[in-house]
N, C-alpha and C. Protein backbone atom coordinates (compact mmCIF):
# COMPACT_ATOMS: atom_id res chain seq x y z
N MET A 1 74.22 108.56 110.01
CA MET A 1 75.59 109.10 108.96
C MET A 1 74.70 109.78 108.08
N SER A 2 75.69 110.58 107.87
CA SER A 2 75.40 111.05 106.31
C SER A 2 75.59 110.92 104.97
N GLU A 3 75.19 111.78 103.97
CA GLU A 3 75.60 110.51 102.48
C GLU A 3 77.12 110.92 102.42
N LEU A 4 77.64 109.91 102.00
CA LEU A 4 78.97 109.82 101.31
C LEU A 4 79.11 110.45 99.96
N ARG A 5 79.98 111.10 100.06
CA ARG A 5 80.53 111.82 98.24
C ARG A 5 81.85 111.00 98.37
N PHE A 6 81.95 110.99 96.71
CA PHE A 6 83.15 110.53 96.30
C PHE A 6 84.43 111.28 95.35
N THR A 7 85.24 110.96 95.22
CA THR A 7 86.34 111.55 94.25
C THR A 7 86.22 110.58 93.13
N VAL A 8 86.84 110.89 91.81
CA VAL A 8 87.53 109.91 90.84
C VAL A 8 88.29 108.92 91.15
N GLU A 9 89.00 109.38 92.13
CA GLU A 9 90.09 108.82 92.63
C GLU A 9 89.99 108.06 93.79
N HIS A 10 88.74 107.40 94.37
CA HIS A 10 88.10 106.51 94.76
C HIS A 10 88.43 107.04 96.54
N GLU A 11 88.62 108.07 96.62
CA GLU A 11 88.52 108.49 98.20
C GLU A 11 86.94 108.87 98.29
N TRP A 12 86.40 108.60 99.74
CA TRP A 12 85.22 108.77 100.01
C TRP A 12 84.86 110.18 101.00
N LEU A 13 84.25 110.80 101.03
CA LEU A 13 83.71 111.72 102.21
C LEU A 13 82.57 112.30 102.82
N ARG A 14 82.74 112.04 104.39
CA ARG A 14 81.34 112.14 104.89
C ARG A 14 81.69 113.55 105.51
N VAL A 15 80.72 113.98 105.71
CA VAL A 15 80.21 115.49 106.61
C VAL A 15 79.75 114.62 107.40
N GLU A 16 80.17 115.36 108.66
CA GLU A 16 80.48 115.16 110.20
C GLU A 16 79.83 116.04 110.91
N ALA A 17 78.94 115.76 112.11
CA ALA A 17 77.76 116.54 112.08
C ALA A 17 78.37 118.37 112.88
N ASP A 18 79.41 118.19 113.24
CA ASP A 18 80.28 119.67 113.31
C ASP A 18 80.75 120.04 112.05
N GLY A 19 80.74 119.91 110.73
CA GLY A 19 80.85 120.25 109.69
C GLY A 19 82.54 119.58 109.28
N SER A 20 82.91 119.13 110.08
CA SER A 20 84.07 118.40 109.49
C SER A 20 83.91 117.35 108.81
N VAL A 21 84.90 117.25 107.67
CA VAL A 21 84.52 116.14 106.96
C VAL A 21 85.90 114.96 107.25
N THR A 22 84.97 113.93 106.77
CA THR A 22 86.30 112.78 107.31
C THR A 22 86.10 112.06 105.83
N VAL A 23 87.34 111.65 105.47
CA VAL A 23 88.04 111.29 104.00
C VAL A 23 88.89 109.86 104.06
N GLY A 24 88.55 108.46 103.62
CA GLY A 24 89.13 107.50 103.70
C GLY A 24 89.19 107.40 102.05
N ILE A 25 89.49 105.93 101.74
CA ILE A 25 89.38 105.32 100.41
C ILE A 25 88.17 104.40 100.32
N THR A 26 87.80 104.48 99.31
CA THR A 26 86.61 103.40 98.70
C THR A 26 87.15 101.60 98.97
N PRO A 27 86.03 100.87 99.15
CA PRO A 27 86.39 99.22 98.78
C PRO A 27 87.02 99.16 98.01
N PHE A 28 86.38 100.05 96.73
CA PHE A 28 87.18 99.54 95.69
C PHE A 28 88.30 99.79 95.49
N ALA A 29 89.02 100.99 96.07
CA ALA A 29 90.29 101.29 95.63
C ALA A 29 91.00 100.43 96.58
N GLN A 30 90.37 99.88 97.95
CA GLN A 30 91.25 99.22 98.84
C GLN A 30 91.30 97.82 98.08
N ASN A 31 90.56 96.97 97.46
CA ASN A 31 90.32 96.02 96.67
C ASN A 31 91.88 95.97 95.55
N ALA A 32 91.54 97.03 95.17
CA ALA A 32 92.53 97.52 94.06
C ALA A 32 94.20 97.14 94.38
N LEU A 33 94.42 98.17 95.66
CA LEU A 33 95.67 98.13 96.23
C LEU A 33 95.79 96.77 96.56
N GLY A 34 95.29 95.69 97.31
CA GLY A 34 95.44 94.61 98.00
C GLY A 34 95.75 95.19 99.86
N ASP A 35 96.50 94.18 100.34
CA ASP A 35 96.94 94.33 101.72
C ASP A 35 97.66 95.72 101.86
N VAL A 36 97.44 96.83 102.60
CA VAL A 36 97.61 98.20 103.09
C VAL A 36 98.87 97.99 104.11
N VAL A 37 100.41 98.37 104.08
CA VAL A 37 100.84 98.00 104.76
C VAL A 37 101.59 99.20 105.34
N PHE A 38 101.02 99.91 105.08
CA PHE A 38 101.75 101.63 105.66
C PHE A 38 101.35 102.52 105.03
N VAL A 39 100.80 103.59 106.15
CA VAL A 39 99.80 104.61 105.88
C VAL A 39 100.58 105.93 106.64
N GLN A 40 101.17 107.28 105.46
CA GLN A 40 101.56 108.02 105.64
C GLN A 40 100.86 109.31 106.20
N LEU A 41 100.43 109.52 107.36
CA LEU A 41 99.44 110.68 107.61
C LEU A 41 99.96 111.83 107.24
N PRO A 42 98.64 112.57 106.70
CA PRO A 42 99.15 114.36 106.86
C PRO A 42 99.58 115.31 107.85
N ASP A 43 100.05 116.04 107.46
CA ASP A 43 100.46 117.13 108.80
C ASP A 43 99.28 117.77 108.97
N LEU A 44 98.55 118.16 110.47
CA LEU A 44 97.81 119.20 110.25
C LEU A 44 98.08 120.34 109.94
N ALA A 45 97.23 120.65 109.02
CA ALA A 45 97.74 122.08 108.31
C ALA A 45 96.82 122.37 107.18
N THR A 46 96.73 123.48 106.65
CA THR A 46 95.99 123.77 105.41
C THR A 46 96.45 123.48 104.15
N TYR A 47 95.45 122.91 103.08
CA TYR A 47 95.74 121.84 102.08
C TYR A 47 95.02 122.48 100.90
N ALA A 48 95.22 122.92 99.74
CA ALA A 48 94.74 123.36 98.53
C ALA A 48 94.39 121.80 97.75
N LYS A 49 93.06 122.31 97.20
CA LYS A 49 92.30 121.48 96.23
C LYS A 49 93.78 120.23 95.72
N ASP A 50 93.51 118.97 95.52
CA ASP A 50 94.62 118.22 94.92
C ASP A 50 95.67 117.88 95.68
N ALA A 51 96.42 118.54 95.89
CA ALA A 51 97.46 118.51 96.93
C ALA A 51 97.68 117.04 97.29
N GLU A 52 98.72 116.79 97.66
CA GLU A 52 99.04 115.39 97.80
C GLU A 52 99.17 115.29 99.37
N VAL A 53 98.12 114.73 100.13
CA VAL A 53 98.78 114.83 101.93
C VAL A 53 98.95 113.63 102.16
N SER A 54 98.66 112.45 101.87
CA SER A 54 98.91 111.56 102.54
C SER A 54 99.42 110.41 101.22
N VAL A 55 100.11 109.17 101.47
CA VAL A 55 100.60 108.29 100.95
C VAL A 55 100.23 106.64 101.58
N LEU A 56 99.98 105.75 100.76
CA LEU A 56 99.45 104.53 101.73
C LEU A 56 100.63 103.66 100.70
N GLU A 57 100.97 102.73 101.20
CA GLU A 57 101.70 101.42 100.37
C GLU A 57 101.27 100.39 100.81
N SER A 58 100.72 99.36 99.67
CA SER A 58 100.45 98.10 99.53
C SER A 58 101.37 97.48 99.12
N VAL A 59 100.70 96.18 99.33
CA VAL A 59 101.81 94.61 98.42
C VAL A 59 102.12 94.99 97.03
N LYS A 60 100.96 95.82 96.58
CA LYS A 60 101.27 95.83 94.89
C LYS A 60 101.65 97.34 94.55
N ALA A 61 101.17 98.30 95.52
CA ALA A 61 101.68 99.65 94.94
C ALA A 61 101.78 100.60 95.77
N ALA A 62 102.33 101.92 95.61
CA ALA A 62 101.99 102.70 96.35
C ALA A 62 101.21 103.97 96.11
N SER A 63 100.51 104.65 96.22
CA SER A 63 99.32 105.67 96.24
C SER A 63 99.19 106.70 96.95
N SER A 64 99.12 107.84 96.31
CA SER A 64 98.57 109.16 96.74
C SER A 64 97.35 109.53 97.40
N ILE A 65 97.12 109.94 98.42
CA ILE A 65 95.99 110.24 99.09
C ILE A 65 96.03 111.89 98.40
N THR A 66 95.14 112.51 97.47
CA THR A 66 95.19 114.01 97.56
C THR A 66 94.31 114.96 97.96
N MET A 67 93.72 115.89 98.44
CA MET A 67 93.19 116.51 99.06
C MET A 67 91.90 116.82 97.96
N PRO A 68 90.80 116.64 98.61
CA PRO A 68 89.72 116.69 97.47
C PRO A 68 88.85 117.84 97.16
N ILE A 69 89.23 118.91 98.64
CA ILE A 69 88.90 120.12 98.12
C ILE A 69 89.72 121.24 99.36
N ASP A 70 89.51 122.40 99.08
CA ASP A 70 90.46 123.47 99.77
C ASP A 70 90.22 122.98 101.42
N GLY A 71 90.69 122.82 102.39
CA GLY A 71 90.83 122.69 103.95
C GLY A 71 91.91 122.48 104.81
N GLU A 72 91.22 122.66 105.83
CA GLU A 72 92.75 122.35 106.90
C GLU A 72 92.43 120.60 107.98
N VAL A 73 93.28 120.56 107.51
CA VAL A 73 93.17 119.11 108.44
C VAL A 73 93.70 119.36 109.53
N VAL A 74 92.72 118.75 110.76
CA VAL A 74 92.23 118.68 112.23
C VAL A 74 92.37 117.31 112.78
N GLU A 75 92.04 116.59 112.25
CA GLU A 75 92.81 115.09 112.86
C GLU A 75 93.15 114.00 111.86
N VAL A 76 94.10 113.30 112.35
CA VAL A 76 94.32 112.03 111.70
C VAL A 76 94.01 110.89 112.29
N ASN A 77 93.62 109.82 111.87
CA ASN A 77 93.49 108.75 112.50
C ASN A 77 94.84 107.57 112.75
N SER A 78 95.29 107.80 113.97
CA SER A 78 96.84 107.56 114.38
C SER A 78 96.83 105.93 114.44
N ALA A 79 95.25 105.65 114.30
CA ALA A 79 95.50 104.27 114.96
C ALA A 79 96.08 103.38 113.55
N LEU A 80 96.27 103.92 111.98
CA LEU A 80 96.56 103.90 111.26
C LEU A 80 98.32 103.66 111.31
N ASP A 81 98.96 104.12 112.23
CA ASP A 81 100.20 103.98 112.16
C ASP A 81 100.70 102.12 112.90
N GLY A 82 99.81 101.99 113.43
CA GLY A 82 100.45 100.53 114.11
C GLY A 82 99.64 99.32 113.44
N GLU A 83 98.42 100.14 112.75
CA GLU A 83 97.25 99.19 112.17
C GLU A 83 96.94 99.60 110.88
N PRO A 84 97.79 99.83 109.44
CA PRO A 84 97.54 100.03 108.44
C PRO A 84 96.27 98.72 107.72
N GLU A 85 96.15 97.82 108.47
CA GLU A 85 95.26 96.78 107.65
C GLU A 85 94.17 96.98 108.52
N LEU A 86 93.68 98.62 109.03
CA LEU A 86 92.39 98.73 109.16
C LEU A 86 91.77 99.36 107.74
N VAL A 87 92.67 99.43 106.92
CA VAL A 87 92.04 100.19 105.91
C VAL A 87 91.79 98.81 105.00
N ASN A 88 92.10 97.75 105.04
CA ASN A 88 91.63 96.65 104.52
C ASN A 88 90.29 96.20 104.94
N GLU A 89 90.46 96.20 106.28
CA GLU A 89 89.76 95.81 107.34
C GLU A 89 88.04 96.28 107.13
N ASP A 90 88.33 97.91 107.27
CA ASP A 90 86.89 98.57 107.58
C ASP A 90 87.47 99.71 106.68
N ALA A 91 87.15 99.85 105.09
CA ALA A 91 87.44 101.14 104.28
C ALA A 91 86.39 102.43 104.47
N LEU A 92 85.38 101.91 104.87
CA LEU A 92 84.36 103.08 105.20
C LEU A 92 84.28 103.32 106.77
N GLY A 93 85.13 102.87 107.36
CA GLY A 93 84.96 103.07 109.00
C GLY A 93 86.11 103.28 110.12
N ALA A 94 86.67 102.22 110.84
CA ALA A 94 88.18 102.48 111.47
C ALA A 94 89.06 102.74 110.37
N GLY A 95 89.00 102.64 109.01
CA GLY A 95 90.12 102.68 108.09
C GLY A 95 90.11 104.01 107.24
N TRP A 96 89.15 104.91 108.14
CA TRP A 96 89.88 106.65 107.75
C TRP A 96 91.08 107.24 107.37
N PHE A 97 90.91 108.09 106.76
CA PHE A 97 92.92 108.72 107.03
C PHE A 97 92.65 110.35 108.00
N PHE A 98 91.68 110.95 107.63
CA PHE A 98 92.12 111.80 108.38
C PHE A 98 90.21 113.21 108.09
N ARG A 99 90.41 113.96 109.31
CA ARG A 99 89.13 115.05 108.75
C ARG A 99 90.25 116.16 108.49
N PHE A 100 89.24 116.58 107.95
CA PHE A 100 89.09 118.41 107.74
C PHE A 100 88.22 119.54 107.99
N VAL A 101 88.56 120.04 107.87
CA VAL A 101 86.89 121.46 107.76
C VAL A 101 87.64 122.41 106.56
N PRO A 102 86.49 122.23 105.83
CA PRO A 102 86.54 122.76 104.55
C PRO A 102 86.68 124.21 104.31
N ALA A 103 87.52 125.06 103.58
CA ALA A 103 87.34 125.97 103.60
C ALA A 103 85.95 126.44 102.79
N ASP A 104 85.22 125.90 101.74
CA ASP A 104 83.61 126.42 101.51
C ASP A 104 83.43 124.93 100.96
N ALA A 105 82.65 124.68 102.31
CA ALA A 105 81.77 123.45 102.11
C ALA A 105 80.29 123.04 100.80
N SER A 106 80.55 124.12 100.12
CA SER A 106 79.50 124.11 98.64
C SER A 106 80.18 123.44 97.87
N GLN A 107 81.56 122.96 98.18
CA GLN A 107 82.58 122.34 97.00
C GLN A 107 82.34 120.85 96.84
N ILE A 108 81.50 120.83 98.11
CA ILE A 108 81.38 119.18 98.64
C ILE A 108 79.94 118.61 97.65
N ASP A 109 79.45 119.64 97.03
CA ASP A 109 78.31 119.29 96.49
C ASP A 109 79.02 118.98 94.81
N ALA A 110 79.55 119.23 94.56
CA ALA A 110 80.60 119.34 93.33
C ALA A 110 80.81 118.19 93.00
N LEU A 111 81.47 116.84 94.12
CA LEU A 111 81.97 115.68 94.02
C LEU A 111 80.61 114.85 93.49
N LEU A 112 80.96 113.25 93.28
CA LEU A 112 80.12 112.43 92.64
C LEU A 112 79.47 111.60 94.25
N ASP A 113 78.15 111.76 93.85
CA ASP A 113 77.40 111.29 94.63
C ASP A 113 77.53 109.69 94.81
N GLN A 114 76.47 108.97 95.30
CA GLN A 114 76.65 107.52 95.47
C GLN A 114 76.43 106.74 93.74
N GLN A 115 75.09 107.46 93.18
CA GLN A 115 75.02 106.86 91.91
C GLN A 115 75.93 106.92 90.85
N ALA A 116 76.62 108.43 91.13
CA ALA A 116 77.82 108.60 89.95
C ALA A 116 79.21 107.41 90.24
N TYR A 117 79.37 107.42 91.59
CA TYR A 117 80.42 106.37 91.30
C TYR A 117 80.26 105.46 91.69
N ASP A 118 79.12 105.29 91.55
CA ASP A 118 78.82 103.52 91.02
C ASP A 118 78.93 102.99 89.72
N ASN A 119 78.66 104.44 88.86
CA ASN A 119 78.71 104.23 87.30
C ASN A 119 79.89 104.46 86.93
N LEU A 120 80.62 105.31 87.90
CA LEU A 120 82.25 105.03 87.63
C LEU A 120 82.61 104.09 87.71
N ILE A 121 82.71 103.55 88.95
CA ILE A 121 83.25 101.89 88.71
C ILE A 121 82.81 100.82 88.32
N SER A 122 81.21 100.69 87.75
CA SER A 122 81.13 100.01 86.73
C SER A 122 81.88 100.32 85.53
N ALA A 123 82.00 101.55 85.21
CA ALA A 123 82.76 101.86 83.49
C ALA A 123 84.02 101.42 83.96
N GLU A 124 84.81 101.40 84.94
CA GLU A 124 86.23 100.95 85.47
C GLU A 124 86.47 99.49 85.21
N GLY A 125 85.06 98.93 85.77
CA GLY A 125 85.68 97.26 86.39
C GLY A 125 85.45 96.77 85.18
């Protein structure tokens, strides 16, 4: 598994062997939201950085998932349609949201690495 990258919005990204990027929310975000009860997955389309691509609802709040960098969504985790609780049970695994092909893969390097993300959540915590 490749190294994860993170956004300040508490999304994680993992570059796959084929160059696509898998996106989900971090355990920190999942804990803050509580039990996830619904996930609206994105359309298979091209999105600009920061565009809202997905919405999740929990017992506490609704939250938007935004596109971390420019790219084309090529796959969604349809298992979340019937089992949104996968986000709570396995945020870094089975609870992923979508995969996309980045328009410029070098943009991933500008995202937070594990140490920077740990510093962010300890400052917020």
